[in-house]
Amino acid sequence: MIEQKDIREIRKKYGLTQEQLAKMLHVAVNTVKRYESCTRKISNSMLDLLSYKVKELQKEQKAAIL
């Protein structure tokens, strides 16, 4: 399960900017910045959405390899 402390690492792993991640999650860029710095607690539903989006990114990467 994804934890708040992992958000920056996940974003960088998939080559996303904070702006791109914000757009994927339908939040403001400042919200992503606050999530990454742990100055704002991320909700469980947002963590679920992030997990879903990460799975989509993983599928895209696998499809690109094939």
PDB file of N, CA and C in Angstrom:
ATOM      1  N   MET A   1       0.838  -1.191   0.000  1.00  0.00           N
ATOM      2  CA  MET A   1       0.000   0.000   0.000  1.00  0.00           C
ATOM      3  C   MET A   1       0.878   1.247   0.000  1.00  0.00           C
ATOM      4  N   ILE A   2       0.452   2.213  -0.739  1.00  0.00           N
ATOM      5  CA  ILE A   2       1.184   3.473  -0.832  1.00  0.00           C
ATOM      6  C   ILE A   2       0.972   4.284   0.441  1.00  0.00           C
ATOM      7  N   GLU A   3       2.042   4.886   0.925  1.00  0.00           N
ATOM      8  CA  GLU A   3       1.970   5.763   2.081  1.00  0.00           C
ATOM      9  C   GLU A   3       2.336   7.173   1.649  1.00  0.00           C
ATOM     10  N   GLN A   4       1.928   8.141   2.449  1.00  0.00           N
ATOM     11  CA  GLN A   4       2.163   9.538   2.102  1.00  0.00           C
ATOM     12  C   GLN A   4       3.637   9.829   1.865  1.00  0.00           C
ATOM     13  N   LYS A   5       4.500   9.235   2.678  1.00  0.00           N
ATOM     14  CA  LYS A   5       5.938   9.510   2.557  1.00  0.00           C
ATOM     15  C   LYS A   5       6.518   9.044   1.223  1.00  0.00           C
ATOM     16  N   ASP A   6       5.774   8.216   0.479  1.00  0.00           N
ATOM     17  CA  ASP A   6       6.251   7.659  -0.782  1.00  0.00           C
ATOM     18  C   ASP A   6       5.860   8.475  -2.015  1.00  0.00           C
ATOM     19  N   ILE A   7       5.060   9.495  -1.839  1.00  0.00           N
ATOM     20  CA  ILE A   7       4.489  10.209  -2.988  1.00  0.00           C
ATOM     21  C   ILE A   7       5.561  10.806  -3.891  1.00  0.00           C
ATOM     22  N   ARG A   8       6.514  11.503  -3.331  1.00  0.00           N
ATOM     23  CA  ARG A   8       7.569  12.133  -4.146  1.00  0.00           C
ATOM     24  C   ARG A   8       8.353  11.075  -4.919  1.00  0.00           C
ATOM     25  N   GLU A   9       8.704  10.006  -4.236  1.00  0.00           N
ATOM     26  CA  GLU A   9       9.468   8.928  -4.870  1.00  0.00           C
ATOM     27  C   GLU A   9       8.687   8.295  -6.026  1.00  0.00           C
ATOM     28  N   ILE A  10       7.414   8.068  -5.829  1.00  0.00           N
ATOM     29  CA  ILE A  10       6.565   7.500  -6.882  1.00  0.00           C
ATOM     30  C   ILE A  10       6.497   8.449  -8.069  1.00  0.00           C
ATOM     31  N   ARG A  11       6.287   9.721  -7.779  1.00  0.00           N
ATOM     32  CA  ARG A  11       6.188  10.723  -8.850  1.00  0.00           C
ATOM     33  C   ARG A  11       7.459  10.732  -9.681  1.00  0.00           C
ATOM     34  N   LYS A  12       8.595  10.734  -9.019  1.00  0.00           N
ATOM     35  CA  LYS A  12       9.873  10.771  -9.732  1.00  0.00           C
ATOM     36  C   LYS A  12      10.126   9.465 -10.494  1.00  0.00           C
ATOM     37  N   LYS A  13       9.732   8.345  -9.910  1.00  0.00           N
ATOM     38  CA  LYS A  13       9.920   7.046 -10.558  1.00  0.00           C
ATOM     39  C   LYS A  13       9.254   7.015 -11.928  1.00  0.00           C
ATOM     40  N   TYR A  14       8.090   7.639 -12.029  1.00  0.00           N
ATOM     41  CA  TYR A  14       7.348   7.633 -13.290  1.00  0.00           C
ATOM     42  C   TYR A  14       7.583   8.893 -14.119  1.00  0.00           C
ATOM     43  N   GLY A  15       8.543   9.701 -13.710  1.00  0.00           N
ATOM     44  CA  GLY A  15       8.940  10.870 -14.491  1.00  0.00           C
ATOM     45  C   GLY A  15       7.880  11.953 -14.559  1.00  0.00           C
ATOM     46  N   LEU A  16       7.098  12.083 -13.498  1.00  0.00           N
ATOM     47  CA  LEU A  16       6.024  13.077 -13.478  1.00  0.00           C
ATOM     48  C   LEU A  16       6.462  14.333 -12.741  1.00  0.00           C
ATOM     49  N   THR A  17       5.994  15.464 -13.216  1.00  0.00           N
ATOM     50  CA  THR A  17       6.180  16.700 -12.480  1.00  0.00           C
ATOM     51  C   THR A  17       5.071  16.804 -11.438  1.00  0.00           C
ATOM     52  N   GLN A  18       5.237  17.728 -10.516  1.00  0.00           N
ATOM     53  CA  GLN A  18       4.168  17.953  -9.538  1.00  0.00           C
ATOM     54  C   GLN A  18       2.895  18.399 -10.248  1.00  0.00           C
ATOM     55  N   GLU A  19       3.052  19.168 -11.308  1.00  0.00           N
ATOM     56  CA  GLU A  19       1.902  19.634 -12.073  1.00  0.00           C
ATOM     57  C   GLU A  19       1.154  18.471 -12.728  1.00  0.00           C
ATOM     58  N   GLN A  20       1.905  17.541 -13.296  1.00  0.00           N
ATOM     59  CA  GLN A  20       1.279  16.384 -13.942  1.00  0.00           C
ATOM     60  C   GLN A  20       0.559  15.505 -12.924  1.00  0.00           C
ATOM     61  N   LEU A  21       1.187  15.283 -11.783  1.00  0.00           N
ATOM     62  CA  LEU A  21       0.548  14.479 -10.745  1.00  0.00           C
ATOM     63  C   LEU A  21      -0.710  15.167 -10.226  1.00  0.00           C
ATOM     64  N   ALA A  22      -0.641  16.469 -10.050  1.00  0.00           N
ATOM     65  CA  ALA A  22      -1.810  17.220  -9.596  1.00  0.00           C
ATOM     66  C   ALA A  22      -2.972  17.063 -10.573  1.00  0.00           C
ATOM     67  N   LYS A  23      -2.662  17.133 -11.849  1.00  0.00           N
ATOM     68  CA  LYS A  23      -3.702  16.980 -12.869  1.00  0.00           C
ATOM     69  C   LYS A  23      -4.304  15.573 -12.818  1.00  0.00           C
ATOM     70  N   MET A  24      -3.459  14.567 -12.645  1.00  0.00           N
ATOM     71  CA  MET A  24      -3.942  13.184 -12.567  1.00  0.00           C
ATOM     72  C   MET A  24      -4.880  12.983 -11.376  1.00  0.00           C
ATOM     73  N   LEU A  25      -4.573  13.666 -10.271  1.00  0.00           N
ATOM     74  CA  LEU A  25      -5.348  13.498  -9.046  1.00  0.00           C
ATOM     75  C   LEU A  25      -6.474  14.526  -8.907  1.00  0.00           C
ATOM     76  N   HIS A  26      -6.541  15.443  -9.866  1.00  0.00           N
ATOM     77  CA  HIS A  26      -7.573  16.498  -9.858  1.00  0.00           C
ATOM     78  C   HIS A  26      -7.462  17.377  -8.613  1.00  0.00           C
ATOM     79  N   VAL A  27      -6.220  17.760  -8.295  1.00  0.00           N
ATOM     80  CA  VAL A  27      -5.974  18.665  -7.176  1.00  0.00           C
ATOM     81  C   VAL A  27      -5.040  19.775  -7.643  1.00  0.00           C
ATOM     82  N   ALA A  28      -4.888  20.793  -6.819  1.00  0.00           N
ATOM     83  CA  ALA A  28      -3.973  21.896  -7.125  1.00  0.00           C
ATOM     84  C   ALA A  28      -2.526  21.450  -6.920  1.00  0.00           C
ATOM     85  N   VAL A  29      -1.629  22.101  -7.618  1.00  0.00           N
ATOM     86  CA  VAL A  29      -0.199  21.799  -7.493  1.00  0.00           C
ATOM     87  C   VAL A  29       0.257  21.988  -6.047  1.00  0.00           C
ATOM     88  N   ASN A  30      -0.238  23.034  -5.399  1.00  0.00           N
ATOM     89  CA  ASN A  30       0.135  23.271  -4.003  1.00  0.00           C
ATOM     90  C   ASN A  30      -0.268  22.111  -3.106  1.00  0.00           C
ATOM     91  N   THR A  31      -1.356  21.440  -3.441  1.00  0.00           N
ATOM     92  CA  THR A  31      -1.792  20.286  -2.660  1.00  0.00           C
ATOM     93  C   THR A  31      -0.773  19.161  -2.782  1.00  0.00           C
ATOM     94  N   VAL A  32      -0.294  18.908  -3.986  1.00  0.00           N
ATOM     95  CA  VAL A  32       0.729  17.882  -4.184  1.00  0.00           C
ATOM     96  C   VAL A  32       1.992  18.258  -3.410  1.00  0.00           C
ATOM     97  N   LYS A  33       2.380  19.517  -3.470  1.00  0.00           N
ATOM     98  CA  LYS A  33       3.567  19.964  -2.726  1.00  0.00           C
ATOM     99  C   LYS A  33       3.391  19.712  -1.237  1.00  0.00           C
ATOM    100  N   ARG A  34       2.202  19.985  -0.731  1.00  0.00           N
ATOM    101  CA  ARG A  34       1.940  19.782   0.700  1.00  0.00           C
ATOM    102  C   ARG A  34       1.903  18.295   1.055  1.00  0.00           C
ATOM    103  N   TYR A  35       1.361  17.477   0.153  1.00  0.00           N
ATOM    104  CA  TYR A  35       1.388  16.030   0.382  1.00  0.00           C
ATOM    105  C   TYR A  35       2.826  15.549   0.469  1.00  0.00           C
ATOM    106  N   GLU A  36       3.657  15.992  -0.462  1.00  0.00           N
ATOM    107  CA  GLU A  36       5.044  15.532  -0.516  1.00  0.00           C
ATOM    108  C   GLU A  36       5.853  15.990   0.697  1.00  0.00           C
ATOM    109  N   SER A  37       5.556  17.164   1.193  1.00  0.00           N
ATOM    110  CA  SER A  37       6.297  17.675   2.358  1.00  0.00           C
ATOM    111  C   SER A  37       5.642  17.259   3.673  1.00  0.00           C
ATOM    112  N   CYS A  38       4.541  16.526   3.567  1.00  0.00           N
ATOM    113  CA  CYS A  38       3.782  16.042   4.735  1.00  0.00           C
ATOM    114  C   CYS A  38       3.232  17.174   5.594  1.00  0.00           C
ATOM    115  N   THR A  39       3.004  18.333   4.985  1.00  0.00           N
ATOM    116  CA  THR A  39       2.370  19.429   5.720  1.00  0.00           C
ATOM    117  C   THR A  39       0.853  19.360   5.591  1.00  0.00           C
ATOM    118  N   ARG A  40       0.377  18.477   4.728  1.00  0.00           N
ATOM    119  CA  ARG A  40      -1.053  18.224   4.590  1.00  0.00           C
ATOM    120  C   ARG A  40      -1.246  16.713   4.528  1.00  0.00           C
ATOM    121  N   LYS A  41      -2.126  16.213   5.371  1.00  0.00           N
ATOM    122  CA  LYS A  41      -2.385  14.774   5.395  1.00  0.00           C
ATOM    123  C   LYS A  41      -3.229  14.393   4.181  1.00  0.00           C
ATOM    124  N   ILE A  42      -2.811  13.339   3.523  1.00  0.00           N
ATOM    125  CA  ILE A  42      -3.549  12.855   2.357  1.00  0.00           C
ATOM    126  C   ILE A  42      -4.645  11.903   2.848  1.00  0.00           C
ATOM    127  N   SER A  43      -5.813  12.033   2.278  1.00  0.00           N
ATOM    128  CA  SER A  43      -6.939  11.193   2.692  1.00  0.00           C
ATOM    129  C   SER A  43      -6.777   9.777   2.150  1.00  0.00           C
ATOM    130  N   ASN A  44      -7.472   8.854   2.780  1.00  0.00           N
ATOM    131  CA  ASN A  44      -7.441   7.469   2.312  1.00  0.00           C
ATOM    132  C   ASN A  44      -7.995   7.346   0.901  1.00  0.00           C
ATOM    133  N   SER A  45      -9.030   8.111   0.594  1.00  0.00           N
ATOM    134  CA  SER A  45      -9.596   8.043  -0.755  1.00  0.00           C
ATOM    135  C   SER A  45      -8.611   8.576  -1.797  1.00  0.00           C
ATOM    136  N   MET A  46      -7.827   9.577  -1.434  1.00  0.00           N
ATOM    137  CA  MET A  46      -6.819  10.105  -2.358  1.00  0.00           C
ATOM    138  C   MET A  46      -5.682   9.094  -2.517  1.00  0.00           C
ATOM    139  N   LEU A  47      -5.316   8.408  -1.444  1.00  0.00           N
ATOM    140  CA  LEU A  47      -4.311   7.353  -1.553  1.00  0.00           C
ATOM    141  C   LEU A  47      -4.807   6.231  -2.451  1.00  0.00           C
ATOM    142  N   ASP A  48      -6.096   5.913  -2.354  1.00  0.00           N
ATOM    143  CA  ASP A  48      -6.680   4.893  -3.233  1.00  0.00           C
ATOM    144  C   ASP A  48      -6.604   5.330  -4.689  1.00  0.00           C
ATOM    145  N   LEU A  49      -6.929   6.605  -4.944  1.00  0.00           N
ATOM    146  CA  LEU A  49      -6.857   7.129  -6.307  1.00  0.00           C
ATOM    147  C   LEU A  49      -5.414   7.092  -6.815  1.00  0.00           C
ATOM    148  N   LEU A  50      -4.478   7.472  -5.978  1.00  0.00           N
ATOM    149  CA  LEU A  50      -3.069   7.435  -6.366  1.00  0.00           C
ATOM    150  C   LEU A  50      -2.639   6.007  -6.688  1.00  0.00           C
ATOM    151  N   SER A  51      -3.057   5.055  -5.878  1.00  0.00           N
ATOM    152  CA  SER A  51      -2.734   3.644  -6.137  1.00  0.00           C
ATOM    153  C   SER A  51      -3.281   3.197  -7.484  1.00  0.00           C
ATOM    154  N   TYR A  52      -4.498   3.588  -7.774  1.00  0.00           N
ATOM    155  CA  TYR A  52      -5.127   3.253  -9.052  1.00  0.00           C
ATOM    156  C   TYR A  52      -4.335   3.856 -10.212  1.00  0.00           C
ATOM    157  N   LYS A  53      -3.958   5.114 -10.079  1.00  0.00           N
ATOM    158  CA  LYS A  53      -3.210   5.795 -11.141  1.00  0.00           C
ATOM    159  C   LYS A  53      -1.833   5.152 -11.340  1.00  0.00           C
ATOM    160  N   VAL A  54      -1.197   4.730 -10.251  1.00  0.00           N
ATOM    161  CA  VAL A  54       0.106   4.067 -10.349  1.00  0.00           C
ATOM    162  C   VAL A  54      -0.042   2.754 -11.110  1.00  0.00           C
ATOM    163  N   LYS A  55      -1.092   2.005 -10.834  1.00  0.00           N
ATOM    164  CA  LYS A  55      -1.333   0.752 -11.560  1.00  0.00           C
ATOM    165  C   LYS A  55      -1.528   1.016 -13.046  1.00  0.00           C
ATOM    166  N   GLU A  56      -2.220   2.106 -13.383  1.00  0.00           N
ATOM    167  CA  GLU A  56      -2.386   2.476 -14.796  1.00  0.00           C
ATOM    168  C   GLU A  56      -1.038   2.793 -15.430  1.00  0.00           C
ATOM    169  N   LEU A  57      -0.195   3.524 -14.711  1.00  0.00           N
ATOM    170  CA  LEU A  57       1.130   3.865 -15.232  1.00  0.00           C
ATOM    171  C   LEU A  57       1.971   2.602 -15.439  1.00  0.00           C
ATOM    172  N   GLN A  58       1.864   1.654 -14.521  1.00  0.00           N
ATOM    173  CA  GLN A  58       2.596   0.399 -14.655  1.00  0.00           C
ATOM    174  C   GLN A  58       2.146  -0.362 -15.896  1.00  0.00           C
ATOM    175  N   LYS A  59       0.842  -0.403 -16.140  1.00  0.00           N
ATOM    176  CA  LYS A  59       0.317  -1.070 -17.331  1.00  0.00           C
ATOM    177  C   LYS A  59       0.812  -0.396 -18.596  1.00  0.00           C
ATOM    178  N   GLU A  60       0.829   0.944 -18.606  1.00  0.00           N
ATOM    179  CA  GLU A  60       1.309   1.680 -19.768  1.00  0.00           C
ATOM    180  C   GLU A  60       2.769   1.368 -20.042  1.00  0.00           C
ATOM    181  N   GLN A  61       3.561   1.296 -18.984  1.00  0.00           N
ATOM    182  CA  GLN A  61       4.990   0.994 -19.155  1.00  0.00           C
ATOM    183  C   GLN A  61       5.186  -0.408 -19.721  1.00  0.00           C
ATOM    184  N   LYS A  62       4.431  -1.366 -19.206  1.00  0.00           N
ATOM    185  CA  LYS A  62       4.540  -2.740 -19.717  1.00  0.00           C
ATOM    186  C   LYS A  62       4.121  -2.818 -21.183  1.00  0.00           C
ATOM    187  N   ALA A  63       3.075  -2.097 -21.543  1.00  0.00           N
ATOM    188  CA  ALA A  63       2.593  -2.098 -22.926  1.00  0.00           C
ATOM    189  C   ALA A  63       3.627  -1.456 -23.852  1.00  0.00           C
ATOM    190  N   ALA A  64       4.313  -0.444 -23.374  1.00  0.00           N
ATOM    191  CA  ALA A  64       5.327   0.228 -24.181  1.00  0.00           C
ATOM    192  C   ALA A  64       6.521  -0.670 -24.436  1.00  0.00           C
ATOM    193  N   ILE A  65       6.808  -1.548 -23.487  1.00  0.00           N
ATOM    194  CA  ILE A  65       7.932  -2.477 -23.640  1.00  0.00           C
ATOM    195  C   ILE A  65       7.617  -3.538 -24.686  1.00  0.00           C
ATOM    196  N   LEU A  66       6.365  -3.968 -24.703  1.00  0.00           N
ATOM    197  CA  LEU A  66       5.961  -5.016 -25.648  1.00  0.00           C
ATOM    198  C   LEU A  66       5.810  -4.393 -26.992  1.00  0.00           C
TER     199      LEU A  66
END
